[in-house]
PDB file of N, CA and C in Angstrom:
ATOM      1  N   MET A   1     125.282 133.195 133.796  1.00  0.00           N
ATOM      2  CA  MET A   1     126.092 134.198 133.150  1.00  0.00           C
ATOM      3  C   MET A   1     125.346 135.516 133.019  1.00  0.00           C
ATOM      4  N   LYS A   2     124.047 135.472 133.033  1.00  0.00           N
ATOM      5  CA  LYS A   2     123.263 136.683 132.870  1.00  0.00           C
ATOM      6  C   LYS A   2     123.606 137.685 133.962  1.00  0.00           C
ATOM      7  N   GLY A   3     123.894 138.912 133.545  1.00  0.00           N
ATOM      8  CA  GLY A   3     124.225 139.949 134.499  1.00  0.00           C
ATOM      9  C   GLY A   3     125.709 140.036 134.815  1.00  0.00           C
ATOM     10  N   GLN A   4     126.481 139.052 134.390  1.00  0.00           N
ATOM     11  CA  GLN A   4     127.923 139.083 134.626  1.00  0.00           C
ATOM     12  C   GLN A   4     128.613 139.706 133.419  1.00  0.00           C
ATOM     13  N   ARG A   5     129.702 140.410 133.690  1.00  0.00           N
ATOM     14  CA  ARG A   5     130.478 141.016 132.608  1.00  0.00           C
ATOM     15  C   ARG A   5     131.716 140.178 132.341  1.00  0.00           C
ATOM     16  N   LEU A   6     132.012 140.023 131.075  1.00  0.00           N
ATOM     17  CA  LEU A   6     133.219 139.323 130.672  1.00  0.00           C
ATOM     18  C   LEU A   6     134.383 140.301 130.765  1.00  0.00           C
ATOM     19  N   PHE A   7     135.398 139.922 131.512  1.00  0.00           N
ATOM     20  CA  PHE A   7     136.618 140.723 131.657  1.00  0.00           C
ATOM     21  C   PHE A   7     137.627 140.200 130.643  1.00  0.00           C
ATOM     22  N   VAL A   8     138.060 141.053 129.707  1.00  0.00           N
ATOM     23  CA  VAL A   8     138.985 140.651 128.655  1.00  0.00           C
ATOM     24  C   VAL A   8     140.259 141.469 128.781  1.00  0.00           C
ATOM     25  N   ARG A   9     141.406 140.761 128.700  1.00  0.00           N
ATOM     26  CA  ARG A   9     142.697 141.449 128.747  1.00  0.00           C
ATOM     27  C   ARG A   9     143.722 140.637 127.981  1.00  0.00           C
ATOM     28  N   ALA A  10     144.878 141.246 127.747  1.00  0.00           N
ATOM     29  CA  ALA A  10     145.969 140.565 127.050  1.00  0.00           C
ATOM     30  C   ALA A  10     146.518 139.431 127.913  1.00  0.00           C
ATOM     31  N   ILE A  11     146.963 138.376 127.256  1.00  0.00           N
ATOM     32  CA  ILE A  11     147.607 137.272 127.957  1.00  0.00           C
ATOM     33  C   ILE A  11     148.995 137.735 128.385  1.00  0.00           C
ATOM     34  N   GLU A  12     149.322 137.498 129.649  1.00  0.00           N
ATOM     35  CA  GLU A  12     150.636 137.860 130.184  1.00  0.00           C
ATOM     36  C   GLU A  12     151.413 136.587 130.484  1.00  0.00           C
ATOM     37  N   SER A  13     152.718 136.715 130.663  1.00  0.00           N
ATOM     38  CA  SER A  13     153.552 135.539 130.920  1.00  0.00           C
ATOM     39  C   SER A  13     153.125 134.818 132.206  1.00  0.00           C
ATOM     40  N   ALA A  14     152.628 135.541 133.190  1.00  0.00           N
ATOM     41  CA  ALA A  14     152.186 134.928 134.450  1.00  0.00           C
ATOM     42  C   ALA A  14     150.939 134.053 134.261  1.00  0.00           C
ATOM     43  N   ASP A  15     150.250 134.207 133.138  1.00  0.00           N
ATOM     44  CA  ASP A  15     149.029 133.442 132.866  1.00  0.00           C
ATOM     45  C   ASP A  15     149.307 132.085 132.222  1.00  0.00           C
ATOM     46  N   SER A  16     150.552 131.806 131.888  1.00  0.00           N
ATOM     47  CA  SER A  16     150.850 130.635 131.057  1.00  0.00           C
ATOM     48  C   SER A  16     150.323 129.322 131.642  1.00  0.00           C
ATOM     49  N   GLY A  17     150.452 129.105 132.924  1.00  0.00           N
ATOM     50  CA  GLY A  17     149.962 127.866 133.536  1.00  0.00           C
ATOM     51  C   GLY A  17     148.455 127.723 133.425  1.00  0.00           C
ATOM     52  N   ALA A  18     147.739 128.781 133.731  1.00  0.00           N
ATOM     53  CA  ALA A  18     146.275 128.742 133.667  1.00  0.00           C
ATOM     54  C   ALA A  18     145.789 128.592 132.228  1.00  0.00           C
ATOM     55  N   VAL A  19     146.445 129.291 131.303  1.00  0.00           N
ATOM     56  CA  VAL A  19     146.056 129.205 129.893  1.00  0.00           C
ATOM     57  C   VAL A  19     146.313 127.798 129.364  1.00  0.00           C
ATOM     58  N   GLU A  20     147.458 127.238 129.683  1.00  0.00           N
ATOM     59  CA  GLU A  20     147.801 125.884 129.240  1.00  0.00           C
ATOM     60  C   GLU A  20     146.796 124.872 129.779  1.00  0.00           C
ATOM     61  N   ALA A  21     146.451 124.968 131.049  1.00  0.00           N
ATOM     62  CA  ALA A  21     145.481 124.053 131.661  1.00  0.00           C
ATOM     63  C   ALA A  21     144.101 124.200 131.011  1.00  0.00           C
ATOM     64  N   PHE A  22     143.676 125.438 130.752  1.00  0.00           N
ATOM     65  CA  PHE A  22     142.384 125.691 130.116  1.00  0.00           C
ATOM     66  C   PHE A  22     142.339 125.068 128.723  1.00  0.00           C
ATOM     67  N   LEU A  23     143.387 125.293 127.940  1.00  0.00           N
ATOM     68  CA  LEU A  23     143.414 124.767 126.580  1.00  0.00           C
ATOM     69  C   LEU A  23     143.404 123.237 126.567  1.00  0.00           C
ATOM     70  N   ARG A  24     144.129 122.627 127.467  1.00  0.00           N
ATOM     71  CA  ARG A  24     144.120 121.158 127.552  1.00  0.00           C
ATOM     72  C   ARG A  24     142.736 120.652 127.944  1.00  0.00           C
ATOM     73  N   ALA A  25     142.100 121.323 128.890  1.00  0.00           N
ATOM     74  CA  ALA A  25     140.763 120.918 129.338  1.00  0.00           C
ATOM     75  C   ALA A  25     139.743 121.014 128.201  1.00  0.00           C
ATOM     76  N   GLU A  26     139.984 121.932 127.261  1.00  0.00           N
ATOM     77  CA  GLU A  26     139.071 122.117 126.126  1.00  0.00           C
ATOM     78  C   GLU A  26     139.480 121.302 124.902  1.00  0.00           C
ATOM     79  N   GLY A  27     140.456 120.406 125.083  1.00  0.00           N
ATOM     80  CA  GLY A  27     140.845 119.518 123.992  1.00  0.00           C
ATOM     81  C   GLY A  27     141.804 120.110 122.992  1.00  0.00           C
ATOM     82  N   LYS A  28     142.450 121.191 123.345  1.00  0.00           N
ATOM     83  CA  LYS A  28     143.442 121.815 122.465  1.00  0.00           C
ATOM     84  C   LYS A  28     144.825 121.354 122.887  1.00  0.00           C
ATOM     85  N   ASN A  29     145.857 121.758 122.138  1.00  0.00           N
ATOM     86  CA  ASN A  29     147.205 121.260 122.399  1.00  0.00           C
ATOM     87  C   ASN A  29     147.857 121.833 123.652  1.00  0.00           C
ATOM     88  N   GLY A  30     147.320 122.886 124.232  1.00  0.00           N
ATOM     89  CA  GLY A  30     147.861 123.439 125.468  1.00  0.00           C
ATOM     90  C   GLY A  30     149.003 124.412 125.276  1.00  0.00           C
ATOM     91  N   THR A  31     149.344 124.723 124.026  1.00  0.00           N
ATOM     92  CA  THR A  31     150.420 125.674 123.764  1.00  0.00           C
ATOM     93  C   THR A  31     149.899 127.094 123.991  1.00  0.00           C
ATOM     94  N   VAL A  32     150.577 127.820 124.850  1.00  0.00           N
ATOM     95  CA  VAL A  32     150.169 129.194 125.164  1.00  0.00           C
ATOM     96  C   VAL A  32     150.513 130.086 123.979  1.00  0.00           C
ATOM     97  N   PRO A  33     149.542 130.853 123.459  1.00  0.00           N
ATOM     98  CA  PRO A  33     149.832 131.727 122.318  1.00  0.00           C
ATOM     99  C   PRO A  33     150.815 132.832 122.683  1.00  0.00           C
ATOM    100  N   ALA A  34     151.650 133.205 121.724  1.00  0.00           N
ATOM    101  CA  ALA A  34     152.615 134.285 121.937  1.00  0.00           C
ATOM    102  C   ALA A  34     151.898 135.626 122.084  1.00  0.00           C
ATOM    103  N   CYS A  35     150.763 135.769 121.412  1.00  0.00           N
ATOM    104  CA  CYS A  35     149.993 137.018 121.455  1.00  0.00           C
ATOM    105  C   CYS A  35     148.518 136.637 121.504  1.00  0.00           C
ATOM    106  N   GLY A  36     147.787 137.199 122.441  1.00  0.00           N
ATOM    107  CA  GLY A  36     146.377 136.856 122.513  1.00  0.00           C
ATOM    108  C   GLY A  36     145.655 137.546 123.648  1.00  0.00           C
ATOM    109  N   LEU A  37     144.385 137.207 123.759  1.00  0.00           N
ATOM    110  CA  LEU A  37     143.509 137.749 124.788  1.00  0.00           C
ATOM    111  C   LEU A  37     142.931 136.606 125.598  1.00  0.00           C
ATOM    112  N   LEU A  38     142.624 136.886 126.853  1.00  0.00           N
ATOM    113  CA  LEU A  38     141.894 135.918 127.665  1.00  0.00           C
ATOM    114  C   LEU A  38     140.647 136.583 128.204  1.00  0.00           C
ATOM    115  N   GLY A  39     139.618 135.766 128.407  1.00  0.00           N
ATOM    116  CA  GLY A  39     138.354 136.253 128.939  1.00  0.00           C
ATOM    117  C   GLY A  39     138.041 135.542 130.232  1.00  0.00           C
ATOM    118  N   LYS A  40     137.601 136.304 131.234  1.00  0.00           N
ATOM    119  CA  LYS A  40     137.258 135.735 132.534  1.00  0.00           C
ATOM    120  C   LYS A  40     135.844 136.170 132.929  1.00  0.00           C
ATOM    121  N   LEU A  41     135.145 135.221 133.553  1.00  0.00           N
ATOM    122  CA  LEU A  41     133.839 135.483 134.155  1.00  0.00           C
ATOM    123  C   LEU A  41     133.957 135.144 135.630  1.00  0.00           C
ATOM    124  N   ALA A  42     133.634 136.076 136.483  1.00  0.00           N
ATOM    125  CA  ALA A  42     133.702 135.865 137.933  1.00  0.00           C
ATOM    126  C   ALA A  42     135.061 135.284 138.337  1.00  0.00           C
ATOM    127  N   GLY A  43     136.125 135.773 137.697  1.00  0.00           N
ATOM    128  CA  GLY A  43     137.473 135.356 138.021  1.00  0.00           C
ATOM    129  C   GLY A  43     137.916 134.035 137.418  1.00  0.00           C
ATOM    130  N   GLU A  44     137.026 133.365 136.689  1.00  0.00           N
ATOM    131  CA  GLU A  44     137.351 132.070 136.088  1.00  0.00           C
ATOM    132  C   GLU A  44     137.641 132.240 134.604  1.00  0.00           C
ATOM    133  N   LEU A  45     138.728 131.639 134.140  1.00  0.00           N
ATOM    134  CA  LEU A  45     139.117 131.687 132.738  1.00  0.00           C
ATOM    135  C   LEU A  45     138.094 130.932 131.899  1.00  0.00           C
ATOM    136  N   VAL A  46     137.493 131.614 130.902  1.00  0.00           N
ATOM    137  CA  VAL A  46     136.453 130.988 130.092  1.00  0.00           C
ATOM    138  C   VAL A  46     136.704 131.086 128.588  1.00  0.00           C
ATOM    139  N   ALA A  47     137.715 131.885 128.166  1.00  0.00           N
ATOM    140  CA  ALA A  47     137.965 132.030 126.728  1.00  0.00           C
ATOM    141  C   ALA A  47     139.402 132.475 126.471  1.00  0.00           C
ATOM    142  N   ILE A  48     139.924 132.006 125.337  1.00  0.00           N
ATOM    143  CA  ILE A  48     141.256 132.386 124.878  1.00  0.00           C
ATOM    144  C   ILE A  48     141.145 132.731 123.392  1.00  0.00           C
ATOM    145  N   LEU A  49     141.778 133.815 122.986  1.00  0.00           N
ATOM    146  CA  LEU A  49     141.845 134.187 121.583  1.00  0.00           C
ATOM    147  C   LEU A  49     143.323 134.356 121.233  1.00  0.00           C
ATOM    148  N   ALA A  50     143.826 133.529 120.324  1.00  0.00           N
ATOM    149  CA  ALA A  50     145.214 133.614 119.866  1.00  0.00           C
ATOM    150  C   ALA A  50     145.228 134.427 118.580  1.00  0.00           C
ATOM    151  N   MET A  51     146.179 135.358 118.462  1.00  0.00           N
ATOM    152  CA  MET A  51     146.182 136.255 117.305  1.00  0.00           C
ATOM    153  C   MET A  51     147.602 136.640 116.912  1.00  0.00           C
ATOM    154  N   ARG A  52     147.696 137.236 115.728  1.00  0.00           N
ATOM    155  CA  ARG A  52     148.948 137.821 115.231  1.00  0.00           C
ATOM    156  C   ARG A  52     148.605 139.141 114.575  1.00  0.00           C
ATOM    157  N   ILE A  53     149.466 140.119 114.775  1.00  0.00           N
ATOM    158  CA  ILE A  53     149.296 141.422 114.143  1.00  0.00           C
ATOM    159  C   ILE A  53     150.105 141.408 112.849  1.00  0.00           C
ATOM    160  N   THR A  54     149.442 141.683 111.727  1.00  0.00           N
ATOM    161  CA  THR A  54     150.121 141.730 110.436  1.00  0.00           C
ATOM    162  C   THR A  54     149.850 143.079 109.780  1.00  0.00           C
ATOM    163  N   ALA A  55     150.516 143.334 108.669  1.00  0.00           N
ATOM    164  CA  ALA A  55     150.285 144.587 107.933  1.00  0.00           C
ATOM    165  C   ALA A  55     148.862 144.637 107.379  1.00  0.00           C
ATOM    166  N   GLU A  56     148.305 143.459 107.037  1.00  0.00           N
ATOM    167  CA  GLU A  56     146.950 143.376 106.484  1.00  0.00           C
ATOM    168  C   GLU A  56     145.862 143.638 107.512  1.00  0.00           C
ATOM    169  N   GLY A  57     146.125 143.232 108.741  1.00  0.00           N
ATOM    170  CA  GLY A  57     145.125 143.346 109.790  1.00  0.00           C
ATOM    171  C   GLY A  57     145.516 142.496 110.985  1.00  0.00           C
ATOM    172  N   VAL A  58     144.529 142.106 111.775  1.00  0.00           N
ATOM    173  CA  VAL A  58     144.771 141.234 112.914  1.00  0.00           C
ATOM    174  C   VAL A  58     144.288 139.841 112.511  1.00  0.00           C
ATOM    175  N   GLU A  59     145.206 138.892 112.521  1.00  0.00           N
ATOM    176  CA  GLU A  59     144.890 137.530 112.125  1.00  0.00           C
ATOM    177  C   GLU A  59     144.594 136.690 113.362  1.00  0.00           C
ATOM    178  N   ILE A  60     143.433 136.063 113.367  1.00  0.00           N
ATOM    179  CA  ILE A  60     143.021 135.219 114.482  1.00  0.00           C
ATOM    180  C   ILE A  60     143.470 133.797 114.188  1.00  0.00           C
ATOM    181  N   ASP A  61     144.322 133.266 115.057  1.00  0.00           N
ATOM    182  CA  ASP A  61     144.798 131.889 114.900  1.00  0.00           C
ATOM    183  C   ASP A  61     143.815 130.894 115.503  1.00  0.00           C
ATOM    184  N   ASP A  62     143.199 131.265 116.623  1.00  0.00           N
ATOM    185  CA  ASP A  62     142.255 130.363 117.285  1.00  0.00           C
ATOM    186  C   ASP A  62     141.443 131.149 118.298  1.00  0.00           C
ATOM    187  N   ILE A  63     140.229 130.704 118.519  1.00  0.00           N
ATOM    188  CA  ILE A  63     139.409 131.245 119.595  1.00  0.00           C
ATOM    189  C   ILE A  63     138.758 130.043 120.278  1.00  0.00           C
ATOM    190  N   VAL A  64     138.955 129.951 121.592  1.00  0.00           N
ATOM    191  CA  VAL A  64     138.459 128.811 122.358  1.00  0.00           C
ATOM    192  C   VAL A  64     137.600 129.339 123.503  1.00  0.00           C
ATOM    193  N   VAL A  65     136.361 128.880 123.547  1.00  0.00           N
ATOM    194  CA  VAL A  65     135.439 129.231 124.627  1.00  0.00           C
ATOM    195  C   VAL A  65     135.132 127.943 125.385  1.00  0.00           C
ATOM    196  N   ALA A  66     135.058 128.036 126.705  1.00  0.00           N
ATOM    197  CA  ALA A  66     134.741 126.863 127.525  1.00  0.00           C
ATOM    198  C   ALA A  66     133.506 126.170 126.961  1.00  0.00           C
ATOM    199  N   SER A  67     133.591 124.862 126.785  1.00  0.00           N
ATOM    200  CA  SER A  67     132.521 124.115 126.121  1.00  0.00           C
ATOM    201  C   SER A  67     131.161 124.273 126.808  1.00  0.00           C
ATOM    202  N   ASP A  68     131.133 124.401 128.118  1.00  0.00           N
ATOM    203  CA  ASP A  68     129.856 124.551 128.818  1.00  0.00           C
ATOM    204  C   ASP A  68     129.289 125.962 128.741  1.00  0.00           C
ATOM    205  N   LEU A  69     130.050 126.898 128.158  1.00  0.00           N
ATOM    206  CA  LEU A  69     129.577 128.287 128.046  1.00  0.00           C
ATOM    207  C   LEU A  69     129.438 128.758 126.596  1.00  0.00           C
ATOM    208  N   ARG A  70     129.515 127.835 125.658  1.00  0.00           N
ATOM    209  CA  ARG A  70     129.361 128.227 124.252  1.00  0.00           C
ATOM    210  C   ARG A  70     127.927 128.651 123.984  1.00  0.00           C
ATOM    211  N   ARG A  71     127.776 129.504 122.971  1.00  0.00           N
ATOM    212  CA  ARG A  71     126.486 130.079 122.572  1.00  0.00           C
ATOM    213  C   ARG A  71     125.921 131.006 123.661  1.00  0.00           C
ATOM    214  N   LYS A  72     126.831 131.633 124.400  1.00  0.00           N
ATOM    215  CA  LYS A  72     126.449 132.608 125.437  1.00  0.00           C
ATOM    216  C   LYS A  72     127.026 133.989 125.113  1.00  0.00           C
ATOM    217  N   ARG A  73     127.440 134.201 123.857  1.00  0.00           N
ATOM    218  CA  ARG A  73     127.946 135.476 123.348  1.00  0.00           C
ATOM    219  C   ARG A  73     129.362 135.809 123.832  1.00  0.00           C
ATOM    220  N   ILE A  74     130.059 134.844 124.405  1.00  0.00           N
ATOM    221  CA  ILE A  74     131.421 135.085 124.876  1.00  0.00           C
ATOM    222  C   ILE A  74     132.363 135.277 123.690  1.00  0.00           C
ATOM    223  N   GLY A  75     132.231 134.442 122.663  1.00  0.00           N
ATOM    224  CA  GLY A  75     133.055 134.594 121.463  1.00  0.00           C
ATOM    225  C   GLY A  75     132.851 135.945 120.812  1.00  0.00           C
ATOM    226  N   ARG A  76     131.607 136.391 120.765  1.00  0.00           N
ATOM    227  CA  ARG A  76     131.303 137.713 120.196  1.00  0.00           C
ATOM    228  C   ARG A  76     131.958 138.831 121.013  1.00  0.00           C
ATOM    229  N   ALA A  77     131.922 138.697 122.328  1.00  0.00           N
ATOM    230  CA  ALA A  77     132.534 139.710 123.194  1.00  0.00           C
ATOM    231  C   ALA A  77     134.047 139.749 122.993  1.00  0.00           C
ATOM    232  N   MET A  78     134.663 138.586 122.824  1.00  0.00           N
ATOM    233  CA  MET A  78     136.106 138.530 122.578  1.00  0.00           C
ATOM    234  C   MET A  78     136.437 139.213 121.255  1.00  0.00           C
ATOM    235  N   LEU A  79     135.634 138.971 120.229  1.00  0.00           N
ATOM    236  CA  LEU A  79     135.867 139.605 118.929  1.00  0.00           C
ATOM    237  C   LEU A  79     135.631 141.112 118.980  1.00  0.00           C
ATOM    238  N   ALA A  80     134.656 141.548 119.763  1.00  0.00           N
ATOM    239  CA  ALA A  80     134.401 142.987 119.908  1.00  0.00           C
ATOM    240  C   ALA A  80     135.609 143.676 120.538  1.00  0.00           C
ATOM    241  N   GLU A  81     136.187 143.035 121.531  1.00  0.00           N
ATOM    242  CA  GLU A  81     137.386 143.581 122.175  1.00  0.00           C
ATOM    243  C   GLU A  81     138.555 143.617 121.187  1.00  0.00           C
ATOM    244  N   LEU A  82     138.700 142.557 120.402  1.00  0.00           N
ATOM    245  CA  LEU A  82     139.766 142.500 119.402  1.00  0.00           C
ATOM    246  C   LEU A  82     139.575 143.582 118.344  1.00  0.00           C
ATOM    247  N   GLU A  83     138.337 143.832 117.975  1.00  0.00           N
ATOM    248  CA  GLU A  83     138.063 144.879 116.983  1.00  0.00           C
ATOM    249  C   GLU A  83     138.484 146.252 117.513  1.00  0.00           C
ATOM    250  N   GLN A  84     138.237 146.516 118.787  1.00  0.00           N
ATOM    251  CA  GLN A  84     138.670 147.789 119.384  1.00  0.00           C
ATOM    252  C   GLN A  84     140.191 147.917 119.338  1.00  0.00           C
ATOM    253  N   ILE A  85     140.887 146.819 119.568  1.00  0.00           N
ATOM    254  CA  ILE A  85     142.349 146.826 119.498  1.00  0.00           C
ATOM    255  C   ILE A  85     142.798 147.095 118.064  1.00  0.00           C
ATOM    256  N   ALA A  86     142.143 146.453 117.093  1.00  0.00           N
ATOM    257  CA  ALA A  86     142.488 146.650 115.684  1.00  0.00           C
ATOM    258  C   ALA A  86     142.312 148.116 115.279  1.00  0.00           C
ATOM    259  N   VAL A  87     141.249 148.741 115.747  1.00  0.00           N
ATOM    260  CA  VAL A  87     141.014 150.151 115.439  1.00  0.00           C
ATOM    261  C   VAL A  87     142.142 151.009 116.016  1.00  0.00           C
ATOM    262  N   LYS A  88     142.521 150.764 117.260  1.00  0.00           N
ATOM    263  CA  LYS A  88     143.593 151.531 117.897  1.00  0.00           C
ATOM    264  C   LYS A  88     144.927 151.341 117.183  1.00  0.00           C
ATOM    265  N   MET A  89     145.137 150.148 116.607  1.00  0.00           N
ATOM    266  CA  MET A  89     146.384 149.843 115.921  1.00  0.00           C
ATOM    267  C   MET A  89     146.308 150.169 114.426  1.00  0.00           C
ATOM    268  N   ASP A  90     145.195 150.770 114.004  1.00  0.00           N
ATOM    269  CA  ASP A  90     144.978 151.159 112.617  1.00  0.00           C
ATOM    270  C   ASP A  90     145.074 149.965 111.663  1.00  0.00           C
ATOM    271  N   ARG A  91     144.466 148.848 112.053  1.00  0.00           N
ATOM    272  CA  ARG A  91     144.396 147.662 111.205  1.00  0.00           C
ATOM    273  C   ARG A  91     142.985 147.577 110.639  1.00  0.00           C
ATOM    274  N   PRO A  92     142.831 147.444 109.316  1.00  0.00           N
ATOM    275  CA  PRO A  92     141.521 147.566 108.669  1.00  0.00           C
ATOM    276  C   PRO A  92     140.616 146.343 108.750  1.00  0.00           C
ATOM    277  N   GLN A  93     141.158 145.188 109.150  1.00  0.00           N
ATOM    278  CA  GLN A  93     140.322 143.988 109.116  1.00  0.00           C
ATOM    279  C   GLN A  93     140.806 142.914 110.075  1.00  0.00           C
ATOM    280  N   LEU A  94     139.876 142.026 110.393  1.00  0.00           N
ATOM    281  CA  LEU A  94     140.183 140.812 111.149  1.00  0.00           C
ATOM    282  C   LEU A  94     140.198 139.674 110.133  1.00  0.00           C
ATOM    283  N   LEU A  95     141.163 138.776 110.250  1.00  0.00           N
ATOM    284  CA  LEU A  95     141.328 137.687 109.286  1.00  0.00           C
ATOM    285  C   LEU A  95     141.377 136.343 109.992  1.00  0.00           C
ATOM    286  N   VAL A  96     140.820 135.324 109.341  1.00  0.00           N
ATOM    287  CA  VAL A  96     140.912 133.954 109.844  1.00  0.00           C
ATOM    288  C   VAL A  96     141.255 133.065 108.658  1.00  0.00           C
ATOM    289  N   ARG A  97     142.253 132.210 108.837  1.00  0.00           N
ATOM    290  CA  ARG A  97     142.623 131.232 107.806  1.00  0.00           C
ATOM    291  C   ARG A  97     142.259 129.836 108.319  1.00  0.00           C
ATOM    292  N   ASP A  98     142.006 128.938 107.396  1.00  0.00           N
ATOM    293  CA  ASP A  98     141.812 127.522 107.726  1.00  0.00           C
ATOM    294  C   ASP A  98     140.733 127.277 108.781  1.00  0.00           C
ATOM    295  N   ALA A  99     139.538 127.781 108.564  1.00  0.00           N
ATOM    296  CA  ALA A  99     138.434 127.556 109.506  1.00  0.00           C
ATOM    297  C   ALA A  99     137.757 126.221 109.203  1.00  0.00           C
ATOM    298  N   ASP A 100     137.528 125.420 110.257  1.00  0.00           N
ATOM    299  CA  ASP A 100     136.787 124.176 110.058  1.00  0.00           C
ATOM    300  C   ASP A 100     135.298 124.500 109.936  1.00  0.00           C
ATOM    301  N   GLU A 101     134.479 123.480 109.742  1.00  0.00           N
ATOM    302  CA  GLU A 101     133.051 123.691 109.499  1.00  0.00           C
ATOM    303  C   GLU A 101     132.350 124.383 110.663  1.00  0.00           C
ATOM    304  N   GLN A 102     132.643 123.958 111.891  1.00  0.00           N
ATOM    305  CA  GLN A 102     132.021 124.564 113.065  1.00  0.00           C
ATOM    306  C   GLN A 102     132.458 126.027 113.198  1.00  0.00           C
ATOM    307  N   SER A 103     133.727 126.289 112.986  1.00  0.00           N
ATOM    308  CA  SER A 103     134.239 127.660 113.063  1.00  0.00           C
ATOM    309  C   SER A 103     133.631 128.527 111.970  1.00  0.00           C
ATOM    310  N   ALA A 104     133.468 127.965 110.781  1.00  0.00           N
ATOM    311  CA  ALA A 104     132.900 128.713 109.657  1.00  0.00           C
ATOM    312  C   ALA A 104     131.485 129.196 109.981  1.00  0.00           C
ATOM    313  N   GLU A 105     130.697 128.356 110.631  1.00  0.00           N
ATOM    314  CA  GLU A 105     129.340 128.751 111.022  1.00  0.00           C
ATOM    315  C   GLU A 105     129.382 129.938 111.986  1.00  0.00           C
ATOM    316  N   PHE A 106     130.260 129.871 112.969  1.00  0.00           N
ATOM    317  CA  PHE A 106     130.414 130.973 113.926  1.00  0.00           C
ATOM    318  C   PHE A 106     130.863 132.241 113.203  1.00  0.00           C
ATOM    319  N   LEU A 107     131.836 132.119 112.328  1.00  0.00           N
ATOM    320  CA  LEU A 107     132.353 133.289 111.611  1.00  0.00           C
ATOM    321  C   LEU A 107     131.265 133.965 110.785  1.00  0.00           C
ATOM    322  N   LYS A 108     130.424 133.183 110.134  1.00  0.00           N
ATOM    323  CA  LYS A 108     129.302 133.757 109.373  1.00  0.00           C
ATOM    324  C   LYS A 108     128.374 134.537 110.295  1.00  0.00           C
ATOM    325  N   ARG A 109     128.062 133.951 111.454  1.00  0.00           N
ATOM    326  CA  ARG A 109     127.129 134.591 112.390  1.00  0.00           C
ATOM    327  C   ARG A 109     127.652 135.917 112.931  1.00  0.00           C
ATOM    328  N   VAL A 110     128.983 136.044 113.021  1.00  0.00           N
ATOM    329  CA  VAL A 110     129.552 137.266 113.608  1.00  0.00           C
ATOM    330  C   VAL A 110     130.073 138.246 112.565  1.00  0.00           C
ATOM    331  N   GLY A 111     129.671 138.066 111.300  1.00  0.00           N
ATOM    332  CA  GLY A 111     129.939 139.080 110.294  1.00  0.00           C
ATOM    333  C   GLY A 111     131.165 138.887 109.412  1.00  0.00           C
ATOM    334  N   PHE A 112     131.794 137.737 109.464  1.00  0.00           N
ATOM    335  CA  PHE A 112     132.918 137.474 108.566  1.00  0.00           C
ATOM    336  C   PHE A 112     132.381 137.022 107.215  1.00  0.00           C
ATOM    337  N   GLU A 113     133.130 137.338 106.156  1.00  0.00           N
ATOM    338  CA  GLU A 113     132.784 136.893 104.817  1.00  0.00           C
ATOM    339  C   GLU A 113     133.950 136.107 104.253  1.00  0.00           C
ATOM    340  N   ARG A 114     133.623 135.064 103.527  1.00  0.00           N
ATOM    341  CA  ARG A 114     134.665 134.216 102.939  1.00  0.00           C
ATOM    342  C   ARG A 114     135.227 134.892 101.696  1.00  0.00           C
ATOM    343  N   GLU A 115     136.545 134.970 101.629  1.00  0.00           N
ATOM    344  CA  GLU A 115     137.250 135.481 100.447  1.00  0.00           C
ATOM    345  C   GLU A 115     138.353 134.488 100.127  1.00  0.00           C
ATOM    346  N   GLY A 116     138.056 133.566  99.214  1.00  0.00           N
ATOM    347  CA  GLY A 116     139.019 132.516  98.889  1.00  0.00           C
ATOM    348  C   GLY A 116     139.213 131.594 100.080  1.00  0.00           C
ATOM    349  N   PRO A 117     140.476 131.347 100.468  1.00  0.00           N
ATOM    350  CA  PRO A 117     140.735 130.412 101.568  1.00  0.00           C
ATOM    351  C   PRO A 117     140.631 131.036 102.961  1.00  0.00           C
ATOM    352  N   ARG A 118     140.313 132.295 103.040  1.00  0.00           N
ATOM    353  CA  ARG A 118     140.272 132.950 104.351  1.00  0.00           C
ATOM    354  C   ARG A 118     138.937 133.657 104.576  1.00  0.00           C
ATOM    355  N   TRP A 119     138.708 134.018 105.830  1.00  0.00           N
ATOM    356  CA  TRP A 119     137.520 134.752 106.245  1.00  0.00           C
ATOM    357  C   TRP A 119     137.951 136.145 106.675  1.00  0.00           C
ATOM    358  N   ILE A 120     137.181 137.168 106.277  1.00  0.00           N
ATOM    359  CA  ILE A 120     137.548 138.556 106.561  1.00  0.00           C
ATOM    360  C   ILE A 120     136.357 139.306 107.130  1.00  0.00           C
ATOM    361  N   ARG A 121     136.625 140.120 108.131  1.00  0.00           N
ATOM    362  CA  ARG A 121     135.618 141.042 108.669  1.00  0.00           C
ATOM    363  C   ARG A 121     136.259 142.415 108.727  1.00  0.00           C
ATOM    364  N   LYS A 122     135.662 143.359 108.025  1.00  0.00           N
ATOM    365  CA  LYS A 122     136.164 144.733 108.033  1.00  0.00           C
ATOM    366  C   LYS A 122     135.947 145.331 109.417  1.00  0.00           C
ATOM    367  N   VAL A 123     136.908 146.143 109.840  1.00  0.00           N
ATOM    368  CA  VAL A 123     136.842 146.791 111.143  1.00  0.00           C
ATOM    369  C   VAL A 123     136.134 148.128 110.980  1.00  0.00           C
ATOM    370  N   ALA A 124     135.145 148.360 111.834  1.00  0.00           N
ATOM    371  CA  ALA A 124     134.423 149.638 111.812  1.00  0.00           C
ATOM    372  C   ALA A 124     135.338 150.713 112.410  1.00  0.00           C
ATOM    373  N   THR A 125     135.593 151.736 111.618  1.00  0.00           N
ATOM    374  CA  THR A 125     136.487 152.816 112.105  1.00  0.00           C
ATOM    375  C   THR A 125     135.720 154.003 112.589  1.00  0.00           C
TER     376      THR A 125
END
């Protein structure tokens, strides 16, 4: 992965088959998110971020990185791209609800803070 750039873009309807297959391969339910981002390395799908735009901010429903590429900063790159989108849409924060233990560790590492039942990261404007 060193030296390769992660290509991140919005999920389009034409991506549904590839996204569904990727999610199933990673042990998820395979349901294509209505709104989200996908990440590709060398043309191969390696990450999916499912999200919703709310008045409060951008709510992350799920982020899935290929199991063999975890801890390679792909999740961080996906969040950086999402933060740029939040800034353009004038949304002040990224939100995550219902994070499991593994997700909570990742969220702490990337700057989220726990506020009650949810995790929040302020967007740099």
